[in-house]
Each structure stands twice: as C-alpha cells, then as structure tokens.
Amino acid sequence: IQVLKNEFGQDFDAEYFKNTGKDFSYRYFDEHGVPM
C-alpha cells in the first residue's frame, strides 16, 4: 500500500485498489481454480 501511494500520491485509495484487484482475482479463482 505504501509503494502504491508513493507511485500514485498519498491521497490514492490504495486499499480500495487492492480490494478491487482481489475481488477480480477471486472471481477468476472461483471459475477456474487457483492455478498451481
């Protein structure tokens, strides 16, 4: 999160960014499984 804020600004909502990415990933995992 700190690296993301350093890149996009201290006001950047890095937690929302990561959670949005996590939700996307979990939709993929639910459909395809976690690739080993």
ModelCIF file with pLDDT and N, C-alpha, C, O atoms, coordinates in Angstrom:
data_MODEL
#
_entry.id   MODEL 
#
_entity.id                         1 
_entity.type                       polymer 
_entity.pdbx_number_of_molecules   1 
#
_entity_poly.entity_id                      1 
_entity_poly.type                           'polypeptide(L)' 
_entity_poly.nstd_linkage                   no 
_entity_poly.nstd_monomer                   no 
_entity_poly.pdbx_seq_one_letter_code       IQVLKNEFGQDFDAEYFKNTGKDFSYRYFDEHGVPM 
_entity_poly.pdbx_seq_one_letter_code_can   IQVLKNEFGQDFDAEYFKNTGKDFSYRYFDEHGVPM 
_entity_poly.pdbx_strand_id                 A 
#
loop_
_entity_poly_seq.entity_id 
_entity_poly_seq.num 
_entity_poly_seq.mon_id 
_entity_poly_seq.hetero 
1 1  ILE n 
1 2  GLN n 
1 3  VAL n 
1 4  LEU n 
1 5  LYS n 
1 6  ASN n 
1 7  GLU n 
1 8  PHE n 
1 9  GLY n 
1 10 GLN n 
1 11 ASP n 
1 12 PHE n 
1 13 ASP n 
1 14 ALA n 
1 15 GLU n 
1 16 TYR n 
1 17 PHE n 
1 18 LYS n 
1 19 ASN n 
1 20 THR n 
1 21 GLY n 
1 22 LYS n 
1 23 ASP n 
1 24 PHE n 
1 25 SER n 
1 26 TYR n 
1 27 ARG n 
1 28 TYR n 
1 29 PHE n 
1 30 ASP n 
1 31 GLU n 
1 32 HIS n 
1 33 GLY n 
1 34 VAL n 
1 35 PRO n 
1 36 MET n 
#
_struct_asym.id          A 
_struct_asym.entity_id   1 
#
loop_
_ma_qa_metric.id 
_ma_qa_metric.mode 
_ma_qa_metric.name 
_ma_qa_metric.software_group_id 
_ma_qa_metric.type 
1 global pLDDT . pLDDT 
2 local  pLDDT . pLDDT 
#
_ma_qa_metric_global.metric_id      1 
_ma_qa_metric_global.metric_value   95.42 
_ma_qa_metric_global.model_id       1 
_ma_qa_metric_global.ordinal_id     1 
#
loop_
_ma_qa_metric_local.label_asym_id 
_ma_qa_metric_local.label_comp_id 
_ma_qa_metric_local.label_seq_id 
_ma_qa_metric_local.metric_id 
_ma_qa_metric_local.metric_value 
_ma_qa_metric_local.model_id 
_ma_qa_metric_local.ordinal_id 
A ILE 1  2 95.00 1 1  
A GLN 2  2 96.00 1 2  
A VAL 3  2 96.00 1 3  
A LEU 4  2 97.00 1 4  
A LYS 5  2 97.00 1 5  
A ASN 6  2 97.00 1 6  
A GLU 7  2 97.00 1 7  
A PHE 8  2 97.00 1 8  
A GLY 9  2 96.00 1 9  
A GLN 10 2 96.00 1 10 
A ASP 11 2 95.00 1 11 
A PHE 12 2 97.00 1 12 
A ASP 13 2 97.00 1 13 
A ALA 14 2 96.00 1 14 
A GLU 15 2 95.00 1 15 
A TYR 16 2 97.00 1 16 
A PHE 17 2 97.00 1 17 
A LYS 18 2 95.00 1 18 
A ASN 19 2 95.00 1 19 
A THR 20 2 97.00 1 20 
A GLY 21 2 96.00 1 21 
A LYS 22 2 94.00 1 22 
A ASP 23 2 96.00 1 23 
A PHE 24 2 96.00 1 24 
A SER 25 2 95.00 1 25 
A TYR 26 2 93.00 1 26 
A ARG 27 2 95.00 1 27 
A TYR 28 2 94.00 1 28 
A PHE 29 2 94.00 1 29 
A ASP 30 2 93.00 1 30 
A GLU 31 2 94.00 1 31 
A HIS 32 2 93.00 1 32 
A GLY 33 2 92.00 1 33 
A VAL 34 2 94.00 1 34 
A PRO 35 2 95.00 1 35 
A MET 36 2 96.00 1 36 
#
loop_
_atom_site.group_PDB 
_atom_site.id 
_atom_site.type_symbol 
_atom_site.label_atom_id 
_atom_site.label_alt_id 
_atom_site.label_comp_id 
_atom_site.label_asym_id 
_atom_site.label_entity_id 
_atom_site.label_seq_id 
_atom_site.pdbx_PDB_ins_code 
_atom_site.Cartn_x 
_atom_site.Cartn_y 
_atom_site.Cartn_z 
_atom_site.occupancy 
_atom_site.B_iso_or_equiv 
_atom_site.pdbx_formal_charge 
_atom_site.auth_seq_id 
_atom_site.auth_comp_id 
_atom_site.auth_asym_id 
_atom_site.auth_atom_id 
_atom_site.pdbx_PDB_model_num 
ATOM 1   N N  . ILE A 1 1  ? 0.833   -1.206  0.000   1.00 95.00 ? 1  ILE A N  1 
ATOM 2   C CA . ILE A 1 1  ? 0.000   0.000   0.000   1.00 95.00 ? 1  ILE A CA 1 
ATOM 3   C C  . ILE A 1 1  ? 0.865   1.251   0.000   1.00 95.00 ? 1  ILE A C  1 
ATOM 4   O O  . ILE A 1 1  ? 0.546   2.225   -0.682  1.00 95.00 ? 1  ILE A O  1 
ATOM 5   N N  . GLN A 1 2  ? 1.947   1.235   0.752   1.00 96.00 ? 2  GLN A N  1 
ATOM 6   C CA . GLN A 1 2  ? 2.816   2.402   0.794   1.00 96.00 ? 2  GLN A CA 1 
ATOM 7   C C  . GLN A 1 2  ? 3.505   2.626   -0.553  1.00 96.00 ? 2  GLN A C  1 
ATOM 8   O O  . GLN A 1 2  ? 3.662   3.766   -0.989  1.00 96.00 ? 2  GLN A O  1 
ATOM 9   N N  . VAL A 1 3  ? 3.913   1.547   -1.209  1.00 96.00 ? 3  VAL A N  1 
ATOM 10  C CA . VAL A 1 3  ? 4.521   1.669   -2.537  1.00 96.00 ? 3  VAL A CA 1 
ATOM 11  C C  . VAL A 1 3  ? 3.509   2.241   -3.528  1.00 96.00 ? 3  VAL A C  1 
ATOM 12  O O  . VAL A 1 3  ? 3.858   3.080   -4.358  1.00 96.00 ? 3  VAL A O  1 
ATOM 13  N N  . LEU A 1 4  ? 2.270   1.793   -3.444  1.00 97.00 ? 4  LEU A N  1 
ATOM 14  C CA . LEU A 1 4  ? 1.225   2.305   -4.332  1.00 97.00 ? 4  LEU A CA 1 
ATOM 15  C C  . LEU A 1 4  ? 0.988   3.795   -4.093  1.00 97.00 ? 4  LEU A C  1 
ATOM 16  O O  . LEU A 1 4  ? 0.816   4.560   -5.042  1.00 97.00 ? 4  LEU A O  1 
ATOM 17  N N  . LYS A 1 5  ? 0.979   4.203   -2.832  1.00 97.00 ? 5  LYS A N  1 
ATOM 18  C CA . LYS A 1 5  ? 0.789   5.622   -2.509  1.00 97.00 ? 5  LYS A CA 1 
ATOM 19  C C  . LYS A 1 5  ? 1.982   6.457   -2.987  1.00 97.00 ? 5  LYS A C  1 
ATOM 20  O O  . LYS A 1 5  ? 1.815   7.592   -3.434  1.00 97.00 ? 5  LYS A O  1 
ATOM 21  N N  . ASN A 1 6  ? 3.164   5.893   -2.888  1.00 97.00 ? 6  ASN A N  1 
ATOM 22  C CA . ASN A 1 6  ? 4.350   6.605   -3.397  1.00 97.00 ? 6  ASN A CA 1 
ATOM 23  C C  . ASN A 1 6  ? 4.260   6.814   -4.904  1.00 97.00 ? 6  ASN A C  1 
ATOM 24  O O  . ASN A 1 6  ? 4.750   7.812   -5.433  1.00 97.00 ? 6  ASN A O  1 
ATOM 25  N N  . GLU A 1 7  ? 3.636   5.872   -5.580  1.00 97.00 ? 7  GLU A N  1 
ATOM 26  C CA . GLU A 1 7  ? 3.512   5.945   -7.034  1.00 97.00 ? 7  GLU A CA 1 
ATOM 27  C C  . GLU A 1 7  ? 2.390   6.892   -7.470  1.00 97.00 ? 7  GLU A C  1 
ATOM 28  O O  . GLU A 1 7  ? 2.569   7.696   -8.385  1.00 97.00 ? 7  GLU A O  1 
ATOM 29  N N  . PHE A 1 8  ? 1.243   6.792   -6.814  1.00 97.00 ? 8  PHE A N  1 
ATOM 30  C CA . PHE A 1 8  ? 0.047   7.491   -7.281  1.00 97.00 ? 8  PHE A CA 1 
ATOM 31  C C  . PHE A 1 8  ? -0.385  8.654   -6.385  1.00 97.00 ? 8  PHE A C  1 
ATOM 32  O O  . PHE A 1 8  ? -1.388  9.311   -6.665  1.00 97.00 ? 8  PHE A O  1 
ATOM 33  N N  . GLY A 1 9  ? 0.362   8.908   -5.315  1.00 96.00 ? 9  GLY A N  1 
ATOM 34  C CA . GLY A 1 9  ? 0.023   10.016  -4.425  1.00 96.00 ? 9  GLY A CA 1 
ATOM 35  C C  . GLY A 1 9  ? -0.511  9.525   -3.096  1.00 96.00 ? 9  GLY A C  1 
ATOM 36  O O  . GLY A 1 9  ? -1.164  8.484   -3.024  1.00 96.00 ? 9  GLY A O  1 
ATOM 37  N N  . GLN A 1 10 ? -0.232  10.276  -2.047  1.00 96.00 ? 10 GLN A N  1 
ATOM 38  C CA . GLN A 1 10 ? -0.619  9.849   -0.703  1.00 96.00 ? 10 GLN A CA 1 
ATOM 39  C C  . GLN A 1 10 ? -2.137  9.828   -0.509  1.00 96.00 ? 10 GLN A C  1 
ATOM 40  O O  . GLN A 1 10 ? -2.635  9.185   0.415   1.00 96.00 ? 10 GLN A O  1 
ATOM 41  N N  . ASP A 1 11 ? -2.872  10.529  -1.375  1.00 95.00 ? 11 ASP A N  1 
ATOM 42  C CA . ASP A 1 11 ? -4.334  10.512  -1.293  1.00 95.00 ? 11 ASP A CA 1 
ATOM 43  C C  . ASP A 1 11 ? -4.949  9.352   -2.077  1.00 95.00 ? 11 ASP A C  1 
ATOM 44  O O  . ASP A 1 11 ? -6.162  9.148   -2.042  1.00 95.00 ? 11 ASP A O  1 
ATOM 45  N N  . PHE A 1 12 ? -4.109  8.597   -2.781  1.00 97.00 ? 12 PHE A N  1 
ATOM 46  C CA . PHE A 1 12 ? -4.612  7.469   -3.568  1.00 97.00 ? 12 PHE A CA 1 
ATOM 47  C C  . PHE A 1 12 ? -5.204  6.411   -2.646  1.00 97.00 ? 12 PHE A C  1 
ATOM 48  O O  . PHE A 1 12 ? -4.587  6.042   -1.647  1.00 97.00 ? 12 PHE A O  1 
ATOM 49  N N  . ASP A 1 13 ? -6.398  5.920   -2.975  1.00 97.00 ? 13 ASP A N  1 
ATOM 50  C CA . ASP A 1 13 ? -7.076  4.915   -2.149  1.00 97.00 ? 13 ASP A CA 1 
ATOM 51  C C  . ASP A 1 13 ? -6.520  3.527   -2.496  1.00 97.00 ? 13 ASP A C  1 
ATOM 52  O O  . ASP A 1 13 ? -7.139  2.744   -3.218  1.00 97.00 ? 13 ASP A O  1 
ATOM 53  N N  . ALA A 1 14 ? -5.346  3.261   -1.960  1.00 96.00 ? 14 ALA A N  1 
ATOM 54  C CA . ALA A 1 14 ? -4.648  2.015   -2.286  1.00 96.00 ? 14 ALA A CA 1 
ATOM 55  C C  . ALA A 1 14 ? -5.390  0.788   -1.753  1.00 96.00 ? 14 ALA A C  1 
ATOM 56  O O  . ALA A 1 14 ? -5.338  -0.281  -2.361  1.00 96.00 ? 14 ALA A O  1 
ATOM 57  N N  . GLU A 1 15 ? -6.070  0.936   -0.631  1.00 95.00 ? 15 GLU A N  1 
ATOM 58  C CA . GLU A 1 15 ? -6.814  -0.202  -0.083  1.00 95.00 ? 15 GLU A CA 1 
ATOM 59  C C  . GLU A 1 15 ? -7.971  -0.583  -1.007  1.00 95.00 ? 15 GLU A C  1 
ATOM 60  O O  . GLU A 1 15 ? -8.225  -1.764  -1.242  1.00 95.00 ? 15 GLU A O  1 
ATOM 61  N N  . TYR A 1 16 ? -8.668  0.427   -1.526  1.00 97.00 ? 16 TYR A N  1 
ATOM 62  C CA . TYR A 1 16 ? -9.751  0.149   -2.476  1.00 97.00 ? 16 TYR A CA 1 
ATOM 63  C C  . TYR A 1 16 ? -9.181  -0.489  -3.746  1.00 97.00 ? 16 TYR A C  1 
ATOM 64  O O  . TYR A 1 16 ? -9.760  -1.426  -4.297  1.00 97.00 ? 16 TYR A O  1 
ATOM 65  N N  . PHE A 1 17 ? -8.053  0.024   -4.194  1.00 97.00 ? 17 PHE A N  1 
ATOM 66  C CA . PHE A 1 17 ? -7.385  -0.533  -5.373  1.00 97.00 ? 17 PHE A CA 1 
ATOM 67  C C  . PHE A 1 17 ? -7.078  -2.012  -5.168  1.00 97.00 ? 17 PHE A C  1 
ATOM 68  O O  . PHE A 1 17 ? -7.403  -2.840  -6.019  1.00 97.00 ? 17 PHE A O  1 
ATOM 69  N N  . LYS A 1 18 ? -6.448  -2.346  -4.032  1.00 95.00 ? 18 LYS A N  1 
ATOM 70  C CA . LYS A 1 18 ? -6.084  -3.733  -3.776  1.00 95.00 ? 18 LYS A CA 1 
ATOM 71  C C  . LYS A 1 18 ? -7.319  -4.619  -3.616  1.00 95.00 ? 18 LYS A C  1 
ATOM 72  O O  . LYS A 1 18 ? -7.332  -5.755  -4.091  1.00 95.00 ? 18 LYS A O  1 
ATOM 73  N N  . ASN A 1 19 ? -8.350  -4.109  -2.953  1.00 95.00 ? 19 ASN A N  1 
ATOM 74  C CA . ASN A 1 19 ? -9.566  -4.896  -2.770  1.00 95.00 ? 19 ASN A CA 1 
ATOM 75  C C  . ASN A 1 19 ? -10.286 -5.136  -4.086  1.00 95.00 ? 19 ASN A C  1 
ATOM 76  O O  . ASN A 1 19 ? -10.856 -6.205  -4.305  1.00 95.00 ? 19 ASN A O  1 
ATOM 77  N N  . THR A 1 20 ? -10.257 -4.121  -4.976  1.00 97.00 ? 20 THR A N  1 
ATOM 78  C CA . THR A 1 20 ? -10.854 -4.289  -6.299  1.00 97.00 ? 20 THR A CA 1 
ATOM 79  C C  . THR A 1 20 ? -10.112 -5.362  -7.086  1.00 97.00 ? 20 THR A C  1 
ATOM 80  O O  . THR A 1 20 ? -10.725 -6.198  -7.749  1.00 97.00 ? 20 THR A O  1 
ATOM 81  N N  . GLY A 1 21 ? -8.784  -5.325  -7.002  1.00 96.00 ? 21 GLY A N  1 
ATOM 82  C CA . GLY A 1 21 ? -7.984  -6.351  -7.652  1.00 96.00 ? 21 GLY A CA 1 
ATOM 83  C C  . GLY A 1 21 ? -8.223  -7.731  -7.050  1.00 96.00 ? 21 GLY A C  1 
ATOM 84  O O  . GLY A 1 21 ? -8.285  -8.728  -7.769  1.00 96.00 ? 21 GLY A O  1 
ATOM 85  N N  . LYS A 1 22 ? -8.355  -7.779  -5.738  1.00 94.00 ? 22 LYS A N  1 
ATOM 86  C CA . LYS A 1 22 ? -8.603  -9.057  -5.056  1.00 94.00 ? 22 LYS A CA 1 
ATOM 87  C C  . LYS A 1 22 ? -9.944  -9.647  -5.490  1.00 94.00 ? 22 LYS A C  1 
ATOM 88  O O  . LYS A 1 22 ? -10.043 -10.846 -5.752  1.00 94.00 ? 22 LYS A O  1 
ATOM 89  N N  . ASP A 1 23 ? -10.972 -8.805  -5.565  1.00 96.00 ? 23 ASP A N  1 
ATOM 90  C CA . ASP A 1 23 ? -12.290 -9.286  -5.993  1.00 96.00 ? 23 ASP A CA 1 
ATOM 91  C C  . ASP A 1 23 ? -12.226 -9.857  -7.403  1.00 96.00 ? 23 ASP A C  1 
ATOM 92  O O  . ASP A 1 23 ? -12.825 -10.894 -7.688  1.00 96.00 ? 23 ASP A O  1 
ATOM 93  N N  . PHE A 1 24 ? -11.494 -9.173  -8.287  1.00 96.00 ? 24 PHE A N  1 
ATOM 94  C CA . PHE A 1 24 ? -11.324 -9.661  -9.657  1.00 96.00 ? 24 PHE A CA 1 
ATOM 95  C C  . PHE A 1 24 ? -10.646 -11.028 -9.654  1.00 96.00 ? 24 PHE A C  1 
ATOM 96  O O  . PHE A 1 24 ? -11.088 -11.950 -10.340 1.00 96.00 ? 24 PHE A O  1 
ATOM 97  N N  . SER A 1 25 ? -9.561  -11.153 -8.870  1.00 95.00 ? 25 SER A N  1 
ATOM 98  C CA . SER A 1 25 ? -8.802  -12.409 -8.802  1.00 95.00 ? 25 SER A CA 1 
ATOM 99  C C  . SER A 1 25 ? -9.667  -13.545 -8.278  1.00 95.00 ? 25 SER A C  1 
ATOM 100 O O  . SER A 1 25 ? -9.621  -14.658 -8.802  1.00 95.00 ? 25 SER A O  1 
ATOM 101 N N  . TYR A 1 26 ? -10.459 -13.266 -7.241  1.00 93.00 ? 26 TYR A N  1 
ATOM 102 C CA . TYR A 1 26 ? -11.267 -14.331 -6.648  1.00 93.00 ? 26 TYR A CA 1 
ATOM 103 C C  . TYR A 1 26 ? -12.379 -14.782 -7.594  1.00 93.00 ? 26 TYR A C  1 
ATOM 104 O O  . TYR A 1 26 ? -12.762 -15.952 -7.591  1.00 93.00 ? 26 TYR A O  1 
ATOM 105 N N  . ARG A 1 27 ? -12.889 -13.868 -8.392  1.00 95.00 ? 27 ARG A N  1 
ATOM 106 C CA . ARG A 1 27 ? -13.863 -14.295 -9.407  1.00 95.00 ? 27 ARG A CA 1 
ATOM 107 C C  . ARG A 1 27 ? -13.200 -15.254 -10.390 1.00 95.00 ? 27 ARG A C  1 
ATOM 108 O O  . ARG A 1 27 ? -13.804 -16.240 -10.816 1.00 95.00 ? 27 ARG A O  1 
ATOM 109 N N  . TYR A 1 28 ? -11.950 -14.954 -10.745 1.00 94.00 ? 28 TYR A N  1 
ATOM 110 C CA . TYR A 1 28 ? -11.201 -15.848 -11.629 1.00 94.00 ? 28 TYR A CA 1 
ATOM 111 C C  . TYR A 1 28 ? -10.979 -17.204 -10.950 1.00 94.00 ? 28 TYR A C  1 
ATOM 112 O O  . TYR A 1 28 ? -11.190 -18.250 -11.562 1.00 94.00 ? 28 TYR A O  1 
ATOM 113 N N  . PHE A 1 29 ? -10.552 -17.178 -9.683  1.00 94.00 ? 29 PHE A N  1 
ATOM 114 C CA . PHE A 1 29 ? -10.272 -18.429 -8.974  1.00 94.00 ? 29 PHE A CA 1 
ATOM 115 C C  . PHE A 1 29 ? -11.536 -19.264 -8.794  1.00 94.00 ? 29 PHE A C  1 
ATOM 116 O O  . PHE A 1 29 ? -11.496 -20.490 -8.887  1.00 94.00 ? 29 PHE A O  1 
ATOM 117 N N  . ASP A 1 30 ? -12.664 -18.591 -8.534  1.00 93.00 ? 30 ASP A N  1 
ATOM 118 C CA . ASP A 1 30 ? -13.919 -19.323 -8.367  1.00 93.00 ? 30 ASP A CA 1 
ATOM 119 C C  . ASP A 1 30 ? -14.312 -20.040 -9.649  1.00 93.00 ? 30 ASP A C  1 
ATOM 120 O O  . ASP A 1 30 ? -14.897 -21.122 -9.611  1.00 93.00 ? 30 ASP A O  1 
ATOM 121 N N  . GLU A 1 31 ? -13.985 -19.428 -10.786 1.00 94.00 ? 31 GLU A N  1 
ATOM 122 C CA . GLU A 1 31 ? -14.360 -20.024 -12.072 1.00 94.00 ? 31 GLU A CA 1 
ATOM 123 C C  . GLU A 1 31 ? -13.348 -21.051 -12.552 1.00 94.00 ? 31 GLU A C  1 
ATOM 124 O O  . GLU A 1 31 ? -13.723 -22.083 -13.109 1.00 94.00 ? 31 GLU A O  1 
ATOM 125 N N  . HIS A 1 32 ? -12.059 -20.772 -12.338 1.00 93.00 ? 32 HIS A N  1 
ATOM 126 C CA . HIS A 1 32 ? -11.011 -21.614 -12.929 1.00 93.00 ? 32 HIS A CA 1 
ATOM 127 C C  . HIS A 1 32 ? -10.186 -22.392 -11.900 1.00 93.00 ? 32 HIS A C  1 
ATOM 128 O O  . HIS A 1 32 ? -9.412  -23.273 -12.275 1.00 93.00 ? 32 HIS A O  1 
ATOM 129 N N  . GLY A 1 33 ? -10.342 -22.079 -10.612 1.00 92.00 ? 33 GLY A N  1 
ATOM 130 C CA . GLY A 1 33 ? -9.468  -22.651 -9.599  1.00 92.00 ? 33 GLY A CA 1 
ATOM 131 C C  . GLY A 1 33 ? -8.185  -21.839 -9.491  1.00 92.00 ? 33 GLY A C  1 
ATOM 132 O O  . GLY A 1 33 ? -7.882  -21.019 -10.359 1.00 92.00 ? 33 GLY A O  1 
ATOM 133 N N  . VAL A 1 34 ? -7.442  -22.072 -8.429  1.00 94.00 ? 34 VAL A N  1 
ATOM 134 C CA . VAL A 1 34 ? -6.163  -21.387 -8.238  1.00 94.00 ? 34 VAL A CA 1 
ATOM 135 C C  . VAL A 1 34 ? -5.097  -22.161 -9.017  1.00 94.00 ? 34 VAL A C  1 
ATOM 136 O O  . VAL A 1 34 ? -4.858  -23.332 -8.724  1.00 94.00 ? 34 VAL A O  1 
ATOM 137 N N  . PRO A 1 35 ? -4.453  -21.530 -10.003 1.00 95.00 ? 35 PRO A N  1 
ATOM 138 C CA . PRO A 1 35 ? -3.515  -22.270 -10.864 1.00 95.00 ? 35 PRO A CA 1 
ATOM 139 C C  . PRO A 1 35 ? -2.241  -22.652 -10.119 1.00 95.00 ? 35 PRO A C  1 
ATOM 140 O O  . PRO A 1 35 ? -1.517  -21.792 -9.617  1.00 95.00 ? 35 PRO A O  1 
ATOM 141 N N  . MET A 1 36 ? -1.983  -23.939 -10.056 1.00 96.00 ? 36 MET A N  1 
ATOM 142 C CA . MET A 1 36 ? -0.822  -24.436 -9.326  1.00 96.00 ? 36 MET A CA 1 
ATOM 143 C C  . MET A 1 36 ? 0.375   -24.561 -10.268 1.00 96.00 ? 36 MET A C  1 
ATOM 144 O O  . MET A 1 36 ? 1.456   -24.965 -9.841  1.00 96.00 ? 36 MET A O  1 
#
